[in-house]
Amino acid sequence: MKRNIDVRIEIPLNSKIKYEYDPIENRIVVDRILHSAMRYPFNYGYVEDTLDYDGDPLDVVIISNESLAVGVFVNVRLIGQIDMIDAGEIDTKLVGVISSDPEFQHYTDLQSVPAFTKQKFTDFLENYKNIEKGKNIVQINGWSDTAKAIDTLEICTKFNEKYFEFLQKNGKPALVKKLTKLLDSN
């Protein structure tokens, strides 16, 4: 699988607004305004035609000094991933830089990223929901290399393909029945 991917922007750098892609409506909607004083320290988006373990498209954190508009696509070079648990579910964040941004061309892997930048991203993800009632605690389990990010992308692309194959073959009622059986067995 390729290292450069197209990412659709959900949340721009420095935003306090949490936008989210709604697959039912096929549009990006305002999920909420952050309760904390924190702002997103990165551009945030997702990879279309993927399905992460949390049931959402695979998320991407983009290191940049420029704020990108909601809904635009940008070509991103993967350099790693953040291994995260949110609400008890795996919620991986791929990490990349804008392919055409000359300021970050030297970012080729996570070792290229300053430790402070990684600390800032970790701090944000672990704490931005702390004062919101009913929001779960986020746990960062570390950062993984580019090879792991590419593997995650491949897995999430296959999950999405299998999901749609299943829907085409069995229809939505069968999916609900199968998911219920899976949940009951755990």
N, C-alpha and C. Protein backbone atom coordinates (compact mmCIF):
# COMPACT_ATOMS: atom_id res chain seq x y z
N MET A 1 0.86 -1.19 0.00
CA MET A 1 0.00 0.00 0.00
C MET A 1 0.89 1.24 0.00
N LYS A 2 0.39 2.29 -0.58
CA LYS A 2 1.19 3.50 -0.71
C LYS A 2 1.28 4.28 0.60
N ARG A 3 2.33 5.05 0.69
CA ARG A 3 2.59 5.87 1.88
C ARG A 3 1.89 7.22 1.81
N ASN A 4 1.64 7.72 0.59
CA ASN A 4 0.92 8.98 0.40
C ASN A 4 -0.55 8.68 0.19
N ILE A 5 -1.40 9.34 0.96
CA ILE A 5 -2.84 9.09 0.91
C ILE A 5 -3.60 10.41 0.87
N ASP A 6 -4.81 10.36 0.35
CA ASP A 6 -5.69 11.53 0.38
C ASP A 6 -6.51 11.49 1.67
N VAL A 7 -6.53 12.61 2.36
CA VAL A 7 -7.24 12.75 3.63
C VAL A 7 -8.27 13.86 3.49
N ARG A 8 -9.47 13.60 3.96
CA ARG A 8 -10.51 14.63 3.98
C ARG A 8 -10.48 15.30 5.35
N ILE A 9 -10.39 16.62 5.36
CA ILE A 9 -10.27 17.38 6.60
C ILE A 9 -11.63 17.50 7.29
N GLU A 10 -11.64 17.14 8.57
CA GLU A 10 -12.82 17.34 9.43
C GLU A 10 -12.64 18.54 10.34
N ILE A 11 -11.42 18.67 10.90
CA ILE A 11 -11.18 19.71 11.91
C ILE A 11 -9.88 20.45 11.57
N PRO A 12 -9.96 21.78 11.41
CA PRO A 12 -8.75 22.53 11.11
C PRO A 12 -7.89 22.78 12.36
N LEU A 13 -6.63 23.01 12.11
CA LEU A 13 -5.69 23.43 13.15
C LEU A 13 -6.26 24.62 13.91
N ASN A 14 -6.14 24.61 15.23
CA ASN A 14 -6.57 25.67 16.16
C ASN A 14 -8.07 25.81 16.34
N SER A 15 -8.84 24.83 15.91
CA SER A 15 -10.29 24.88 16.07
C SER A 15 -10.70 24.41 17.46
N LYS A 16 -11.79 24.99 17.98
CA LYS A 16 -12.44 24.47 19.19
C LYS A 16 -13.72 23.73 18.81
N ILE A 17 -14.00 23.68 17.52
CA ILE A 17 -15.21 23.02 17.03
C ILE A 17 -14.84 21.59 16.61
N LYS A 18 -15.57 20.62 17.16
CA LYS A 18 -15.35 19.22 16.78
C LYS A 18 -16.35 18.87 15.69
N TYR A 19 -15.86 18.84 14.46
CA TYR A 19 -16.67 18.41 13.34
C TYR A 19 -16.52 16.90 13.21
N GLU A 20 -17.51 16.26 12.61
CA GLU A 20 -17.43 14.82 12.42
C GLU A 20 -18.18 14.43 11.16
N TYR A 21 -17.63 13.46 10.44
CA TYR A 21 -18.28 12.96 9.24
C TYR A 21 -19.47 12.10 9.65
N ASP A 22 -20.64 12.38 9.07
CA ASP A 22 -21.85 11.61 9.31
C ASP A 22 -22.12 10.76 8.07
N PRO A 23 -21.84 9.44 8.14
CA PRO A 23 -22.00 8.60 6.95
C PRO A 23 -23.45 8.43 6.52
N ILE A 24 -24.39 8.56 7.44
CA ILE A 24 -25.81 8.44 7.07
C ILE A 24 -26.22 9.62 6.19
N GLU A 25 -25.82 10.82 6.60
CA GLU A 25 -26.15 12.03 5.84
C GLU A 25 -25.13 12.34 4.75
N ASN A 26 -23.99 11.63 4.78
CA ASN A 26 -22.89 11.85 3.84
C ASN A 26 -22.44 13.30 3.83
N ARG A 27 -22.21 13.84 5.03
CA ARG A 27 -21.73 15.21 5.15
C ARG A 27 -21.01 15.37 6.48
N ILE A 28 -20.27 16.45 6.59
CA ILE A 28 -19.57 16.77 7.83
C ILE A 28 -20.46 17.69 8.64
N VAL A 29 -20.65 17.35 9.93
CA VAL A 29 -21.54 18.10 10.81
C VAL A 29 -20.77 18.55 12.05
N VAL A 30 -21.31 19.56 12.75
CA VAL A 30 -20.73 19.98 14.02
C VAL A 30 -21.18 18.98 15.08
N ASP A 31 -20.21 18.32 15.69
CA ASP A 31 -20.49 17.37 16.77
C ASP A 31 -20.68 18.12 18.08
N ARG A 32 -19.75 19.05 18.36
CA ARG A 32 -19.83 19.84 19.58
C ARG A 32 -18.72 20.90 19.58
N ILE A 33 -18.85 21.84 20.49
CA ILE A 33 -17.80 22.81 20.76
C ILE A 33 -17.04 22.28 21.97
N LEU A 34 -15.71 22.26 21.88
CA LEU A 34 -14.92 21.74 23.00
C LEU A 34 -15.21 22.55 24.26
N HIS A 35 -15.35 21.87 25.38
CA HIS A 35 -15.62 22.52 26.66
C HIS A 35 -14.35 23.10 27.26
N SER A 36 -13.22 22.51 26.94
CA SER A 36 -11.97 22.96 27.53
C SER A 36 -11.44 24.20 26.82
N ALA A 37 -10.38 24.75 27.37
CA ALA A 37 -9.73 25.91 26.76
C ALA A 37 -8.80 25.47 25.63
N MET A 38 -8.68 24.17 25.43
CA MET A 38 -7.77 23.64 24.42
C MET A 38 -8.33 23.83 23.01
N ARG A 39 -7.41 23.88 22.06
CA ARG A 39 -7.73 23.93 20.64
C ARG A 39 -6.95 22.81 19.95
N TYR A 40 -7.48 22.32 18.84
CA TYR A 40 -6.78 21.25 18.12
C TYR A 40 -5.41 21.73 17.69
N PRO A 41 -4.33 21.04 18.12
CA PRO A 41 -2.97 21.46 17.76
C PRO A 41 -2.52 20.91 16.41
N PHE A 42 -3.46 20.40 15.63
CA PHE A 42 -3.16 19.79 14.34
C PHE A 42 -4.42 19.84 13.47
N ASN A 43 -4.25 19.66 12.18
CA ASN A 43 -5.38 19.41 11.30
C ASN A 43 -5.76 17.95 11.49
N TYR A 44 -7.03 17.66 11.38
CA TYR A 44 -7.54 16.33 11.71
C TYR A 44 -8.51 15.90 10.61
N GLY A 45 -8.34 14.70 10.11
CA GLY A 45 -9.23 14.23 9.06
C GLY A 45 -9.36 12.72 9.08
N TYR A 46 -9.84 12.19 7.97
CA TYR A 46 -10.05 10.74 7.88
C TYR A 46 -9.77 10.27 6.46
N VAL A 47 -9.55 8.97 6.34
CA VAL A 47 -9.31 8.33 5.05
C VAL A 47 -10.63 7.71 4.60
N GLU A 48 -11.12 8.14 3.44
CA GLU A 48 -12.36 7.57 2.92
C GLU A 48 -12.15 6.09 2.61
N ASP A 49 -13.26 5.34 2.63
CA ASP A 49 -13.27 3.92 2.30
C ASP A 49 -12.40 3.09 3.23
N THR A 50 -12.36 3.51 4.51
CA THR A 50 -11.71 2.72 5.56
C THR A 50 -12.69 2.58 6.72
N LEU A 51 -12.45 1.60 7.56
CA LEU A 51 -13.26 1.38 8.75
C LEU A 51 -12.33 0.92 9.87
N ASP A 52 -12.18 1.77 10.88
CA ASP A 52 -11.33 1.45 12.03
C ASP A 52 -12.12 0.58 13.01
N TYR A 53 -11.44 0.10 14.03
CA TYR A 53 -12.07 -0.79 15.01
C TYR A 53 -13.22 -0.13 15.76
N ASP A 54 -13.24 1.21 15.81
CA ASP A 54 -14.32 1.92 16.52
C ASP A 54 -15.56 2.12 15.65
N GLY A 55 -15.52 1.63 14.40
CA GLY A 55 -16.66 1.75 13.51
C GLY A 55 -16.69 3.02 12.67
N ASP A 56 -15.70 3.87 12.83
CA ASP A 56 -15.59 5.11 12.07
C ASP A 56 -14.49 4.98 11.03
N PRO A 57 -14.47 5.88 10.04
CA PRO A 57 -13.32 5.89 9.13
C PRO A 57 -12.03 6.15 9.92
N LEU A 58 -10.92 5.69 9.37
CA LEU A 58 -9.62 5.81 10.01
C LEU A 58 -9.19 7.28 10.10
N ASP A 59 -8.85 7.73 11.31
CA ASP A 59 -8.48 9.12 11.58
C ASP A 59 -7.02 9.40 11.20
N VAL A 60 -6.77 10.65 10.85
CA VAL A 60 -5.42 11.09 10.52
C VAL A 60 -5.15 12.44 11.19
N VAL A 61 -4.03 12.53 11.89
CA VAL A 61 -3.53 13.76 12.48
C VAL A 61 -2.46 14.30 11.54
N ILE A 62 -2.60 15.56 11.14
CA ILE A 62 -1.69 16.13 10.14
C ILE A 62 -0.87 17.25 10.77
N ILE A 63 0.43 17.07 10.78
CA ILE A 63 1.35 18.07 11.31
C ILE A 63 1.51 19.17 10.27
N SER A 64 1.18 20.39 10.66
CA SER A 64 1.24 21.52 9.73
C SER A 64 1.16 22.82 10.51
N ASN A 65 1.65 23.88 9.93
CA ASN A 65 1.46 25.21 10.52
C ASN A 65 0.31 25.95 9.86
N GLU A 66 -0.32 25.34 8.86
CA GLU A 66 -1.41 25.96 8.12
C GLU A 66 -2.72 25.28 8.48
N SER A 67 -3.77 26.07 8.69
CA SER A 67 -5.10 25.57 8.99
C SER A 67 -5.82 25.27 7.67
N LEU A 68 -6.27 24.04 7.52
CA LEU A 68 -6.94 23.62 6.29
C LEU A 68 -8.46 23.71 6.45
N ALA A 69 -9.15 24.01 5.38
CA ALA A 69 -10.60 24.18 5.42
C ALA A 69 -11.31 22.83 5.60
N VAL A 70 -12.42 22.87 6.32
CA VAL A 70 -13.23 21.68 6.54
C VAL A 70 -13.74 21.16 5.19
N GLY A 71 -13.61 19.85 4.98
CA GLY A 71 -14.15 19.21 3.80
C GLY A 71 -13.18 19.06 2.64
N VAL A 72 -12.05 19.79 2.66
CA VAL A 72 -11.10 19.67 1.55
C VAL A 72 -10.31 18.37 1.67
N PHE A 73 -9.78 17.92 0.55
CA PHE A 73 -8.87 16.78 0.53
C PHE A 73 -7.45 17.28 0.43
N VAL A 74 -6.55 16.62 1.13
CA VAL A 74 -5.14 16.97 1.07
C VAL A 74 -4.33 15.67 0.99
N ASN A 75 -3.28 15.70 0.17
CA ASN A 75 -2.41 14.54 0.07
C ASN A 75 -1.42 14.57 1.22
N VAL A 76 -1.36 13.46 1.96
CA VAL A 76 -0.57 13.37 3.19
C VAL A 76 0.42 12.21 3.06
N ARG A 77 1.65 12.45 3.53
CA ARG A 77 2.67 11.40 3.61
C ARG A 77 2.67 10.84 5.03
N LEU A 78 2.39 9.56 5.16
CA LEU A 78 2.34 8.94 6.49
C LEU A 78 3.74 8.83 7.08
N ILE A 79 3.82 9.11 8.40
CA ILE A 79 5.11 8.98 9.10
C ILE A 79 4.97 8.14 10.38
N GLY A 80 3.76 7.71 10.71
CA GLY A 80 3.57 6.89 11.91
C GLY A 80 2.12 6.86 12.32
N GLN A 81 1.90 6.44 13.57
CA GLN A 81 0.54 6.43 14.12
C GLN A 81 0.58 6.57 15.63
N ILE A 82 -0.54 7.05 16.16
CA ILE A 82 -0.75 7.12 17.61
C ILE A 82 -1.67 5.96 17.97
N ASP A 83 -1.22 5.11 18.88
CA ASP A 83 -2.01 3.96 19.34
C ASP A 83 -2.85 4.42 20.52
N MET A 84 -4.16 4.48 20.32
CA MET A 84 -5.05 5.11 21.29
C MET A 84 -6.28 4.25 21.57
N ILE A 85 -6.76 4.35 22.81
CA ILE A 85 -8.03 3.75 23.22
C ILE A 85 -8.94 4.90 23.65
N ASP A 86 -10.17 4.92 23.11
CA ASP A 86 -11.15 5.94 23.46
C ASP A 86 -12.47 5.22 23.74
N ALA A 87 -13.02 5.44 24.91
CA ALA A 87 -14.27 4.79 25.31
C ALA A 87 -14.13 3.27 25.24
N GLY A 88 -12.94 2.77 25.56
CA GLY A 88 -12.71 1.33 25.58
C GLY A 88 -12.52 0.71 24.21
N GLU A 89 -12.48 1.52 23.15
CA GLU A 89 -12.33 1.01 21.79
C GLU A 89 -11.02 1.49 21.19
N ILE A 90 -10.44 0.65 20.34
CA ILE A 90 -9.25 1.06 19.59
C ILE A 90 -9.65 2.22 18.68
N ASP A 91 -8.90 3.31 18.76
CA ASP A 91 -9.18 4.51 17.96
C ASP A 91 -7.86 5.07 17.46
N THR A 92 -7.26 4.37 16.51
CA THR A 92 -5.95 4.71 15.99
C THR A 92 -5.98 6.05 15.26
N LYS A 93 -4.89 6.78 15.39
CA LYS A 93 -4.71 8.04 14.65
C LYS A 93 -3.45 7.89 13.81
N LEU A 94 -3.61 7.83 12.49
CA LEU A 94 -2.43 7.89 11.63
C LEU A 94 -1.84 9.28 11.77
N VAL A 95 -0.54 9.40 11.57
CA VAL A 95 0.15 10.69 11.66
C VAL A 95 0.86 10.94 10.34
N GLY A 96 0.71 12.17 9.82
CA GLY A 96 1.37 12.49 8.57
C GLY A 96 1.62 13.97 8.41
N VAL A 97 2.26 14.30 7.30
CA VAL A 97 2.51 15.69 6.93
C VAL A 97 1.97 15.91 5.52
N ILE A 98 1.65 17.15 5.19
CA ILE A 98 1.17 17.47 3.86
C ILE A 98 2.31 17.22 2.86
N SER A 99 2.03 16.40 1.87
CA SER A 99 3.07 15.98 0.92
C SER A 99 3.75 17.16 0.23
N SER A 100 2.99 18.21 -0.04
CA SER A 100 3.54 19.34 -0.79
C SER A 100 4.06 20.48 0.10
N ASP A 101 4.08 20.29 1.41
CA ASP A 101 4.51 21.35 2.32
C ASP A 101 6.03 21.32 2.48
N PRO A 102 6.74 22.31 1.93
CA PRO A 102 8.21 22.29 1.99
C PRO A 102 8.76 22.39 3.41
N GLU A 103 7.97 22.96 4.32
CA GLU A 103 8.44 23.14 5.69
C GLU A 103 8.61 21.82 6.43
N PHE A 104 7.90 20.78 5.99
CA PHE A 104 7.93 19.50 6.70
C PHE A 104 8.45 18.35 5.83
N GLN A 105 9.15 18.68 4.76
CA GLN A 105 9.69 17.63 3.88
C GLN A 105 10.71 16.74 4.60
N HIS A 106 11.38 17.29 5.61
CA HIS A 106 12.37 16.50 6.35
C HIS A 106 11.72 15.56 7.37
N TYR A 107 10.41 15.64 7.56
CA TYR A 107 9.71 14.70 8.44
C TYR A 107 9.44 13.43 7.64
N THR A 108 10.29 12.45 7.84
CA THR A 108 10.17 11.20 7.08
C THR A 108 9.68 10.04 7.95
N ASP A 109 9.80 10.21 9.25
CA ASP A 109 9.32 9.20 10.21
C ASP A 109 9.13 9.90 11.56
N LEU A 110 8.71 9.15 12.56
CA LEU A 110 8.44 9.78 13.87
C LEU A 110 9.70 10.31 14.54
N GLN A 111 10.86 9.78 14.21
CA GLN A 111 12.10 10.30 14.78
C GLN A 111 12.38 11.72 14.30
N SER A 112 11.78 12.10 13.18
CA SER A 112 11.94 13.45 12.64
C SER A 112 11.10 14.48 13.41
N VAL A 113 10.09 14.01 14.11
CA VAL A 113 9.16 14.90 14.80
C VAL A 113 9.74 15.28 16.17
N PRO A 114 9.81 16.57 16.47
CA PRO A 114 10.34 16.98 17.78
C PRO A 114 9.53 16.34 18.93
N ALA A 115 10.23 15.98 19.99
CA ALA A 115 9.59 15.36 21.16
C ALA A 115 8.48 16.26 21.70
N PHE A 116 8.69 17.57 21.69
CA PHE A 116 7.68 18.49 22.21
C PHE A 116 6.38 18.41 21.41
N THR A 117 6.48 18.27 20.09
CA THR A 117 5.29 18.15 19.25
C THR A 117 4.51 16.90 19.62
N LYS A 118 5.21 15.80 19.79
CA LYS A 118 4.54 14.55 20.18
C LYS A 118 3.91 14.68 21.57
N GLN A 119 4.60 15.35 22.50
CA GLN A 119 4.05 15.57 23.84
C GLN A 119 2.79 16.43 23.78
N LYS A 120 2.82 17.46 22.95
CA LYS A 120 1.68 18.37 22.80
C LYS A 120 0.47 17.61 22.25
N PHE A 121 0.68 16.76 21.25
CA PHE A 121 -0.41 15.98 20.66
C PHE A 121 -0.96 14.99 21.68
N THR A 122 -0.07 14.31 22.39
CA THR A 122 -0.50 13.34 23.42
C THR A 122 -1.30 14.06 24.50
N ASP A 123 -0.80 15.19 24.98
CA ASP A 123 -1.50 15.95 26.02
C ASP A 123 -2.90 16.36 25.56
N PHE A 124 -3.01 16.83 24.34
CA PHE A 124 -4.31 17.23 23.82
C PHE A 124 -5.27 16.04 23.80
N LEU A 125 -4.85 14.95 23.19
CA LEU A 125 -5.74 13.79 23.04
C LEU A 125 -6.15 13.20 24.39
N GLU A 126 -5.24 13.22 25.35
CA GLU A 126 -5.57 12.65 26.67
C GLU A 126 -6.44 13.58 27.51
N ASN A 127 -6.45 14.88 27.21
CA ASN A 127 -7.09 15.83 28.13
C ASN A 127 -8.21 16.70 27.56
N TYR A 128 -8.40 16.73 26.26
CA TYR A 128 -9.35 17.70 25.71
C TYR A 128 -10.80 17.44 26.11
N LYS A 129 -11.11 16.23 26.56
CA LYS A 129 -12.49 15.92 26.96
C LYS A 129 -12.67 15.87 28.48
N ASN A 130 -11.64 16.20 29.24
CA ASN A 130 -11.69 16.01 30.69
C ASN A 130 -12.85 16.68 31.40
N ILE A 131 -13.26 17.87 30.99
CA ILE A 131 -14.33 18.55 31.73
C ILE A 131 -15.71 18.36 31.10
N GLU A 132 -15.79 17.54 30.06
CA GLU A 132 -17.08 17.26 29.42
C GLU A 132 -17.77 16.12 30.16
N LYS A 133 -18.98 16.36 30.60
CA LYS A 133 -19.73 15.32 31.30
C LYS A 133 -20.07 14.19 30.34
N GLY A 134 -19.91 12.97 30.83
CA GLY A 134 -20.26 11.80 30.04
C GLY A 134 -19.24 11.39 29.01
N LYS A 135 -18.12 12.09 28.93
CA LYS A 135 -17.09 11.72 27.97
C LYS A 135 -16.09 10.80 28.65
N ASN A 136 -15.62 9.83 27.90
CA ASN A 136 -14.73 8.82 28.45
C ASN A 136 -13.28 9.25 28.42
N ILE A 137 -12.52 8.59 29.22
CA ILE A 137 -11.09 8.87 29.30
C ILE A 137 -10.38 8.26 28.10
N VAL A 138 -9.44 8.99 27.56
CA VAL A 138 -8.63 8.54 26.44
C VAL A 138 -7.30 8.04 26.99
N GLN A 139 -6.83 6.95 26.41
CA GLN A 139 -5.55 6.38 26.83
C GLN A 139 -4.64 6.27 25.61
N ILE A 140 -3.46 6.87 25.68
CA ILE A 140 -2.47 6.76 24.62
C ILE A 140 -1.52 5.62 24.99
N ASN A 141 -1.41 4.65 24.10
CA ASN A 141 -0.55 3.48 24.35
C ASN A 141 0.76 3.57 23.61
N GLY A 142 1.08 4.75 23.09
CA GLY A 142 2.36 4.94 22.42
C GLY A 142 2.20 5.38 20.98
N TRP A 143 3.34 5.51 20.33
CA TRP A 143 3.42 5.91 18.93
C TRP A 143 4.10 4.79 18.18
N SER A 144 3.62 4.49 16.99
CA SER A 144 4.21 3.41 16.19
C SER A 144 4.74 3.96 14.87
N ASP A 145 5.64 3.20 14.25
CA ASP A 145 6.35 3.66 13.06
C ASP A 145 5.50 3.64 11.79
N THR A 146 6.11 4.09 10.71
CA THR A 146 5.43 4.20 9.42
C THR A 146 4.92 2.84 8.93
N ALA A 147 5.72 1.80 9.09
CA ALA A 147 5.31 0.47 8.64
C ALA A 147 4.02 0.04 9.33
N LYS A 148 3.92 0.29 10.61
CA LYS A 148 2.70 -0.04 11.37
C LYS A 148 1.51 0.80 10.86
N ALA A 149 1.75 2.06 10.56
CA ALA A 149 0.69 2.93 10.04
C ALA A 149 0.17 2.41 8.70
N ILE A 150 1.08 1.98 7.84
CA ILE A 150 0.68 1.44 6.54
C ILE A 150 -0.08 0.12 6.74
N ASP A 151 0.36 -0.72 7.67
CA ASP A 151 -0.37 -1.96 7.99
C ASP A 151 -1.78 -1.65 8.48
N THR A 152 -1.90 -0.66 9.37
CA THR A 152 -3.21 -0.26 9.90
C THR A 152 -4.11 0.21 8.77
N LEU A 153 -3.57 1.01 7.87
CA LEU A 153 -4.34 1.50 6.72
C LEU A 153 -4.84 0.33 5.87
N GLU A 154 -3.98 -0.65 5.62
CA GLU A 154 -4.37 -1.82 4.83
C GLU A 154 -5.49 -2.60 5.53
N ILE A 155 -5.35 -2.81 6.82
CA ILE A 155 -6.36 -3.55 7.59
C ILE A 155 -7.70 -2.82 7.56
N CYS A 156 -7.67 -1.51 7.78
CA CYS A 156 -8.91 -0.73 7.83
C CYS A 156 -9.57 -0.62 6.46
N THR A 157 -8.78 -0.65 5.40
CA THR A 157 -9.33 -0.67 4.04
C THR A 157 -10.03 -2.01 3.80
N LYS A 158 -9.40 -3.11 4.24
CA LYS A 158 -10.01 -4.43 4.09
C LYS A 158 -11.27 -4.56 4.95
N PHE A 159 -11.25 -4.02 6.18
CA PHE A 159 -12.46 -4.03 7.02
C PHE A 159 -13.62 -3.39 6.27
N ASN A 160 -13.36 -2.24 5.67
CA ASN A 160 -14.40 -1.52 4.95
C ASN A 160 -14.93 -2.34 3.77
N GLU A 161 -14.01 -2.96 3.02
CA GLU A 161 -14.42 -3.80 1.89
C GLU A 161 -15.29 -4.95 2.35
N LYS A 162 -14.87 -5.64 3.42
CA LYS A 162 -15.63 -6.78 3.94
C LYS A 162 -16.99 -6.34 4.46
N TYR A 163 -17.03 -5.19 5.10
CA TYR A 163 -18.29 -4.65 5.62
C TYR A 163 -19.29 -4.46 4.48
N PHE A 164 -18.83 -3.84 3.39
CA PHE A 164 -19.74 -3.60 2.28
C PHE A 164 -20.09 -4.87 1.53
N GLU A 165 -19.17 -5.82 1.44
CA GLU A 165 -19.49 -7.12 0.85
C GLU A 165 -20.60 -7.80 1.66
N PHE A 166 -20.46 -7.75 2.97
CA PHE A 166 -21.46 -8.36 3.84
C PHE A 166 -22.83 -7.69 3.67
N LEU A 167 -22.84 -6.36 3.62
CA LEU A 167 -24.10 -5.64 3.45
C LEU A 167 -24.77 -5.98 2.11
N GLN A 168 -23.95 -6.06 1.06
CA GLN A 168 -24.51 -6.38 -0.25
C GLN A 168 -25.08 -7.80 -0.28
N LYS A 169 -24.41 -8.70 0.40
CA LYS A 169 -24.84 -10.10 0.40
C LYS A 169 -26.03 -10.34 1.32
N ASN A 170 -26.03 -9.72 2.49
CA ASN A 170 -27.00 -10.04 3.53
C ASN A 170 -27.99 -8.94 3.87
N GLY A 171 -27.72 -7.74 3.47
CA GLY A 171 -28.61 -6.63 3.82
C GLY A 171 -28.40 -6.19 5.26
N LYS A 172 -28.96 -5.05 5.60
CA LYS A 172 -28.76 -4.47 6.92
C LYS A 172 -29.37 -5.29 8.06
N PRO A 173 -30.56 -5.88 7.93
CA PRO A 173 -31.09 -6.67 9.05
C PRO A 173 -30.16 -7.81 9.46
N ALA A 174 -29.53 -8.44 8.48
CA ALA A 174 -28.59 -9.52 8.80
C ALA A 174 -27.37 -8.98 9.54
N LEU A 175 -26.94 -7.78 9.18
CA LEU A 175 -25.80 -7.17 9.87
C LEU A 175 -26.12 -6.93 11.33
N VAL A 176 -27.29 -6.37 11.59
CA VAL A 176 -27.69 -6.12 12.98
C VAL A 176 -27.73 -7.43 13.76
N LYS A 177 -28.26 -8.47 13.17
CA LYS A 177 -28.34 -9.77 13.81
C LYS A 177 -26.94 -10.33 14.11
N LYS A 178 -26.04 -10.22 13.13
CA LYS A 178 -24.68 -10.72 13.31
C LYS A 178 -23.94 -9.92 14.40
N LEU A 179 -24.08 -8.60 14.38
CA LEU A 179 -23.41 -7.77 15.38
C LEU A 179 -23.95 -8.08 16.77
N THR A 180 -25.25 -8.29 16.89
CA THR A 180 -25.85 -8.63 18.18
C THR A 180 -25.28 -9.94 18.70
N LYS A 181 -25.12 -10.92 17.83
CA LYS A 181 -24.55 -12.21 18.22
C LYS A 181 -23.10 -12.03 18.71
N LEU A 182 -22.35 -11.20 17.96
CA LEU A 182 -20.96 -10.95 18.36
C LEU A 182 -20.88 -10.27 19.73
N LEU A 183 -21.74 -9.30 19.97
CA LEU A 183 -21.74 -8.60 21.25
C LEU A 183 -22.16 -9.52 22.38
N ASP A 184 -23.14 -10.37 22.13
CA ASP A 184 -23.60 -11.29 23.15
C ASP A 184 -22.55 -12.33 23.52
N SER A 185 -21.70 -12.69 22.56
CA SER A 185 -20.69 -13.72 22.83
C SER A 185 -19.51 -13.16 23.62
N ASN A 186 -19.40 -11.83 23.70
CA ASN A 186 -18.28 -11.23 24.44
C ASN A 186 -18.68 -10.97 25.82
